[in-house]
Amino acid sequence: MIKNKWITLTFLIAGLGIAFFLVTRYRVPPTIDFSTITLTDLQRQQVSLQQFKGKTVFVNFWATWCPDCLRELPSIAGARTKLDTSKVVFVLVSDEPVEKIQRYVDSKGIDVVYWKSVRSFGELGIHAIPTSYLLDSQGRISMEKVGGFNWETPEFIQLVEEVSTGQ
């Protein structure tokens, strides 16, 4: 009887350890140094988030095969239309081949900036997509989220406006 309790306790502790590992690896966004990420535009020219210094930047790591990513893209486009695009930029980053990204862009026509990460998401520490960040005008992370989301909510729009005005 005591042996069974120890076995149960061991499995419980192991299960909690596995659960903690999975949550921290797959549901907690990694801290990314955005200045070190190598990106290209869809014409394969190297680009950088630094070109948006002084603006608020929404960065969404996504893929064309990801159902949650595709479900949230219309709300990203919707949020973009509700914000001052002279102060806020929406950038979608994929690690897929440029041709695949371009085919998706051409078929959907969602008006945001599409870039490709030269390094795989795994190399960046991103283990779940979509993963999104809101960067202030100095490039500091103001918000981070793993998983699909409705980006058109009044709360998110207000957050972006506050970040973009420095409040």
C-alpha atoms as a PDB file:
ATOM      1  CA  MET A   1       0.000   0.000   0.000  1.00  0.00           C
ATOM      2  CA  ILE A   2       2.801   2.443   0.846  1.00  0.00           C
ATOM      3  CA  LYS A   3       4.593   1.362  -2.340  1.00  0.00           C
ATOM      4  CA  ASN A   4       1.485   2.238  -4.404  1.00  0.00           C
ATOM      5  CA  LYS A   5       1.335   5.711  -2.818  1.00  0.00           C
ATOM      6  CA  TRP A   6       4.985   6.326  -3.715  1.00  0.00           C
ATOM      7  CA  ILE A   7       4.393   5.190  -7.281  1.00  0.00           C
ATOM      8  CA  THR A   8       1.346   7.458  -7.536  1.00  0.00           C
ATOM      9  CA  LEU A   9       3.289  10.365  -6.042  1.00  0.00           C
ATOM     10  CA  THR A  10       6.180   9.762  -8.454  1.00  0.00           C
ATOM     11  CA  PHE A  11       3.854   9.783 -11.456  1.00  0.00           C
ATOM     12  CA  LEU A  12       2.122  12.908 -10.173  1.00  0.00           C
ATOM     13  CA  ILE A  13       5.426  14.766  -9.776  1.00  0.00           C
ATOM     14  CA  ALA A  14       6.631  13.561 -13.189  1.00  0.00           C
ATOM     15  CA  GLY A  15       3.331  14.666 -14.752  1.00  0.00           C
ATOM     16  CA  LEU A  16       3.590  18.097 -13.183  1.00  0.00           C
ATOM     17  CA  GLY A  17       7.163  18.406 -14.431  1.00  0.00           C
ATOM     18  CA  ILE A  18       6.137  17.472 -17.958  1.00  0.00           C
ATOM     19  CA  ALA A  19       3.182  19.869 -17.831  1.00  0.00           C
ATOM     20  CA  PHE A  20       5.444  22.699 -16.628  1.00  0.00           C
ATOM     21  CA  PHE A  21       7.917  21.973 -19.421  1.00  0.00           C
ATOM     22  CA  LEU A  22       5.196  21.959 -22.082  1.00  0.00           C
ATOM     23  CA  VAL A  23       3.580  25.165 -20.844  1.00  0.00           C
ATOM     24  CA  THR A  24       6.852  27.053 -20.610  1.00  0.00           C
ATOM     25  CA  ARG A  25       8.105  25.787 -23.961  1.00  0.00           C
ATOM     26  CA  TYR A  26       4.928  26.056 -25.997  1.00  0.00           C
ATOM     27  CA  ARG A  27       2.696  28.658 -24.347  1.00  0.00           C
ATOM     28  CA  VAL A  28       5.174  31.213 -23.024  1.00  0.00           C
ATOM     29  CA  PRO A  29       6.588  33.483 -25.703  1.00  0.00           C
ATOM     30  CA  PRO A  30      10.370  33.601 -25.787  1.00  0.00           C
ATOM     31  CA  THR A  31      12.192  36.827 -25.077  1.00  0.00           C
ATOM     32  CA  ILE A  32      13.568  37.801 -28.442  1.00  0.00           C
ATOM     33  CA  ASP A  33      16.243  40.350 -29.227  1.00  0.00           C
ATOM     34  CA  PHE A  34      14.570  41.715 -32.336  1.00  0.00           C
ATOM     35  CA  SER A  35      17.722  43.588 -33.363  1.00  0.00           C
ATOM     36  CA  THR A  36      19.489  40.272 -34.020  1.00  0.00           C
ATOM     37  CA  ILE A  37      16.853  38.636 -36.217  1.00  0.00           C
ATOM     38  CA  THR A  38      17.797  38.383 -39.877  1.00  0.00           C
ATOM     39  CA  LEU A  39      14.773  39.022 -42.067  1.00  0.00           C
ATOM     40  CA  THR A  40      14.126  39.408 -45.767  1.00  0.00           C
ATOM     41  CA  ASP A  41      11.244  40.897 -47.657  1.00  0.00           C
ATOM     42  CA  LEU A  42       9.464  38.878 -50.326  1.00  0.00           C
ATOM     43  CA  GLN A  43      11.949  40.141 -52.915  1.00  0.00           C
ATOM     44  CA  ARG A  44      14.707  38.497 -50.811  1.00  0.00           C
ATOM     45  CA  GLN A  45      16.215  41.825 -49.774  1.00  0.00           C
ATOM     46  CA  GLN A  46      17.499  41.973 -46.206  1.00  0.00           C
ATOM     47  CA  VAL A  47      15.282  44.118 -43.966  1.00  0.00           C
ATOM     48  CA  SER A  48      15.184  44.987 -40.289  1.00  0.00           C
ATOM     49  CA  LEU A  49      12.645  46.038 -37.723  1.00  0.00           C
ATOM     50  CA  GLN A  50      15.068  48.891 -36.985  1.00  0.00           C
ATOM     51  CA  GLN A  51      13.693  50.646 -40.081  1.00  0.00           C
ATOM     52  CA  PHE A  52      10.509  51.236 -38.073  1.00  0.00           C
ATOM     53  CA  LYS A  53      12.292  52.873 -35.132  1.00  0.00           C
ATOM     54  CA  GLY A  54      10.036  55.567 -33.748  1.00  0.00           C
ATOM     55  CA  LYS A  55       6.906  53.579 -34.608  1.00  0.00           C
ATOM     56  CA  THR A  56       4.935  50.987 -32.712  1.00  0.00           C
ATOM     57  CA  VAL A  57       5.382  47.604 -34.384  1.00  0.00           C
ATOM     58  CA  PHE A  58       3.089  44.597 -34.126  1.00  0.00           C
ATOM     59  CA  VAL A  59       5.068  41.459 -35.045  1.00  0.00           C
ATOM     60  CA  ASN A  60       3.239  38.193 -35.657  1.00  0.00           C
ATOM     61  CA  PHE A  61       5.107  34.932 -36.264  1.00  0.00           C
ATOM     62  CA  TRP A  62       2.836  32.758 -38.412  1.00  0.00           C
ATOM     63  CA  ALA A  63       2.707  30.072 -41.105  1.00  0.00           C
ATOM     64  CA  THR A  64       0.478  29.362 -44.086  1.00  0.00           C
ATOM     65  CA  TRP A  65      -0.296  25.867 -42.745  1.00  0.00           C
ATOM     66  CA  CYS A  66      -1.315  27.050 -39.243  1.00  0.00           C
ATOM     67  CA  PRO A  67      -5.128  27.146 -38.725  1.00  0.00           C
ATOM     68  CA  ASP A  68      -4.964  29.549 -35.749  1.00  0.00           C
ATOM     69  CA  CYS A  69      -2.652  31.852 -37.714  1.00  0.00           C
ATOM     70  CA  LEU A  70      -4.988  31.957 -40.697  1.00  0.00           C
ATOM     71  CA  ARG A  71      -8.034  32.450 -38.467  1.00  0.00           C
ATOM     72  CA  GLU A  72      -6.536  35.530 -36.807  1.00  0.00           C
ATOM     73  CA  LEU A  73      -5.164  37.226 -39.958  1.00  0.00           C
ATOM     74  CA  PRO A  74      -8.445  39.013 -40.812  1.00  0.00           C
ATOM     75  CA  SER A  75      -8.526  40.496 -37.301  1.00  0.00           C
ATOM     76  CA  ILE A  76      -4.920  41.696 -37.736  1.00  0.00           C
ATOM     77  CA  ALA A  77      -5.984  43.417 -40.953  1.00  0.00           C
ATOM     78  CA  GLY A  78      -9.026  44.810 -39.155  1.00  0.00           C
ATOM     79  CA  ALA A  79      -6.938  46.165 -36.293  1.00  0.00           C
ATOM     80  CA  ARG A  80      -4.628  47.808 -38.811  1.00  0.00           C
ATOM     81  CA  THR A  81      -7.555  49.724 -40.333  1.00  0.00           C
ATOM     82  CA  LYS A  82      -8.534  51.044 -36.884  1.00  0.00           C
ATOM     83  CA  LEU A  83      -5.098  52.464 -36.094  1.00  0.00           C
ATOM     84  CA  ASP A  84      -2.957  55.318 -37.374  1.00  0.00           C
ATOM     85  CA  THR A  85      -0.633  53.561 -39.833  1.00  0.00           C
ATOM     86  CA  SER A  86       1.779  56.500 -39.713  1.00  0.00           C
ATOM     87  CA  LYS A  87       2.491  55.454 -36.107  1.00  0.00           C
ATOM     88  CA  VAL A  88       1.796  51.697 -36.133  1.00  0.00           C
ATOM     89  CA  VAL A  89       3.178  49.004 -38.447  1.00  0.00           C
ATOM     90  CA  PHE A  90       1.955  45.409 -38.721  1.00  0.00           C
ATOM     91  CA  VAL A  91       4.625  42.869 -39.711  1.00  0.00           C
ATOM     92  CA  LEU A  92       3.930  39.179 -40.303  1.00  0.00           C
ATOM     93  CA  VAL A  93       6.993  36.938 -40.206  1.00  0.00           C
ATOM     94  CA  SER A  94       7.123  33.374 -41.520  1.00  0.00           C
ATOM     95  CA  ASP A  95      10.035  30.978 -41.795  1.00  0.00           C
ATOM     96  CA  GLU A  96       8.523  29.288 -44.841  1.00  0.00           C
ATOM     97  CA  PRO A  97       9.912  29.658 -48.381  1.00  0.00           C
ATOM     98  CA  VAL A  98       9.301  33.079 -49.934  1.00  0.00           C
ATOM     99  CA  GLU A  99       7.343  31.508 -52.803  1.00  0.00           C
ATOM    100  CA  LYS A 100       4.887  29.920 -50.395  1.00  0.00           C
ATOM    101  CA  ILE A 101       4.409  33.171 -48.465  1.00  0.00           C
ATOM    102  CA  GLN A 102       3.952  35.101 -51.722  1.00  0.00           C
ATOM    103  CA  ARG A 103       1.303  32.666 -52.990  1.00  0.00           C
ATOM    104  CA  TYR A 104      -0.651  33.151 -49.769  1.00  0.00           C
ATOM    105  CA  VAL A 105      -0.298  36.946 -49.908  1.00  0.00           C
ATOM    106  CA  ASP A 106      -1.460  36.987 -53.539  1.00  0.00           C
ATOM    107  CA  SER A 107      -4.486  34.820 -52.779  1.00  0.00           C
ATOM    108  CA  LYS A 108      -5.685  36.740 -49.695  1.00  0.00           C
ATOM    109  CA  GLY A 109      -4.580  40.334 -50.227  1.00  0.00           C
ATOM    110  CA  ILE A 110      -4.336  41.194 -46.526  1.00  0.00           C
ATOM    111  CA  ASP A 111      -2.510  44.520 -46.429  1.00  0.00           C
ATOM    112  CA  VAL A 112       0.332  44.165 -43.936  1.00  0.00           C
ATOM    113  CA  VAL A 113       4.111  43.810 -44.238  1.00  0.00           C
ATOM    114  CA  TYR A 114       5.164  40.204 -44.923  1.00  0.00           C
ATOM    115  CA  TRP A 115       8.725  39.156 -44.180  1.00  0.00           C
ATOM    116  CA  LYS A 116      10.653  35.908 -43.979  1.00  0.00           C
ATOM    117  CA  SER A 117      12.869  34.901 -41.088  1.00  0.00           C
ATOM    118  CA  VAL A 118      16.179  33.540 -42.334  1.00  0.00           C
ATOM    119  CA  ARG A 119      16.471  31.402 -39.193  1.00  0.00           C
ATOM    120  CA  SER A 120      13.809  28.831 -38.339  1.00  0.00           C
ATOM    121  CA  PHE A 121      11.333  29.659 -35.611  1.00  0.00           C
ATOM    122  CA  GLY A 122      12.836  26.856 -33.513  1.00  0.00           C
ATOM    123  CA  GLU A 123      16.224  28.575 -33.709  1.00  0.00           C
ATOM    124  CA  LEU A 124      14.573  31.784 -32.500  1.00  0.00           C
ATOM    125  CA  GLY A 125      13.019  29.940 -29.546  1.00  0.00           C
ATOM    126  CA  ILE A 126       9.504  30.114 -30.981  1.00  0.00           C
ATOM    127  CA  HIS A 127       7.909  26.702 -30.455  1.00  0.00           C
ATOM    128  CA  ALA A 128       4.247  27.616 -30.932  1.00  0.00           C
ATOM    129  CA  ILE A 129       2.555  29.795 -33.491  1.00  0.00           C
ATOM    130  CA  PRO A 130       1.024  32.210 -33.820  1.00  0.00           C
ATOM    131  CA  THR A 131       3.266  34.152 -31.456  1.00  0.00           C
ATOM    132  CA  SER A 132       2.820  37.918 -31.410  1.00  0.00           C
ATOM    133  CA  TYR A 133       4.636  40.901 -29.947  1.00  0.00           C
ATOM    134  CA  LEU A 134       3.903  44.585 -29.683  1.00  0.00           C
ATOM    135  CA  LEU A 135       7.054  46.710 -29.722  1.00  0.00           C
ATOM    136  CA  ASP A 136       7.121  50.322 -28.607  1.00  0.00           C
ATOM    137  CA  SER A 137       8.846  53.076 -30.567  1.00  0.00           C
ATOM    138  CA  GLN A 138      12.191  52.111 -29.008  1.00  0.00           C
ATOM    139  CA  GLY A 139      11.821  48.437 -29.938  1.00  0.00           C
ATOM    140  CA  ARG A 140      10.990  47.280 -26.405  1.00  0.00           C
ATOM    141  CA  ILE A 141       8.414  44.522 -25.955  1.00  0.00           C
ATOM    142  CA  SER A 142       5.153  45.982 -24.617  1.00  0.00           C
ATOM    143  CA  MET A 143       2.989  42.892 -25.120  1.00  0.00           C
ATOM    144  CA  GLU A 144       3.487  39.267 -26.065  1.00  0.00           C
ATOM    145  CA  LYS A 145       1.012  36.496 -26.758  1.00  0.00           C
ATOM    146  CA  VAL A 146       1.110  32.894 -27.893  1.00  0.00           C
ATOM    147  CA  GLY A 147      -1.920  31.524 -29.691  1.00  0.00           C
ATOM    148  CA  GLY A 148      -4.678  32.880 -31.866  1.00  0.00           C
ATOM    149  CA  PHE A 149      -6.433  36.046 -30.810  1.00  0.00           C
ATOM    150  CA  ASN A 150      -8.994  38.545 -32.053  1.00  0.00           C
ATOM    151  CA  TRP A 151      -6.776  41.611 -32.554  1.00  0.00           C
ATOM    152  CA  GLU A 152      -9.732  43.909 -33.290  1.00  0.00           C
ATOM    153  CA  THR A 153     -10.901  44.063 -29.681  1.00  0.00           C
ATOM    154  CA  PRO A 154     -11.291  47.533 -28.163  1.00  0.00           C
ATOM    155  CA  GLU A 155      -8.828  46.527 -25.432  1.00  0.00           C
ATOM    156  CA  PHE A 156      -6.075  45.689 -27.921  1.00  0.00           C
ATOM    157  CA  ILE A 157      -6.739  48.807 -30.009  1.00  0.00           C
ATOM    158  CA  GLN A 158      -6.535  50.905 -26.843  1.00  0.00           C
ATOM    159  CA  LEU A 159      -3.286  49.197 -25.807  1.00  0.00           C
ATOM    160  CA  VAL A 160      -1.698  49.908 -29.192  1.00  0.00           C
ATOM    161  CA  GLU A 161      -2.833  53.529 -29.073  1.00  0.00           C
ATOM    162  CA  GLU A 162      -1.386  53.928 -25.573  1.00  0.00           C
ATOM    163  CA  VAL A 163       1.917  52.361 -26.605  1.00  0.00           C
ATOM    164  CA  SER A 164       2.084  54.470 -29.782  1.00  0.00           C
ATOM    165  CA  THR A 165       1.526  57.704 -27.840  1.00  0.00           C
ATOM    166  CA  GLY A 166       3.932  56.735 -25.069  1.00  0.00           C
ATOM    167  CA  GLN A 167       1.320  56.590 -22.306  1.00  0.00           C
END
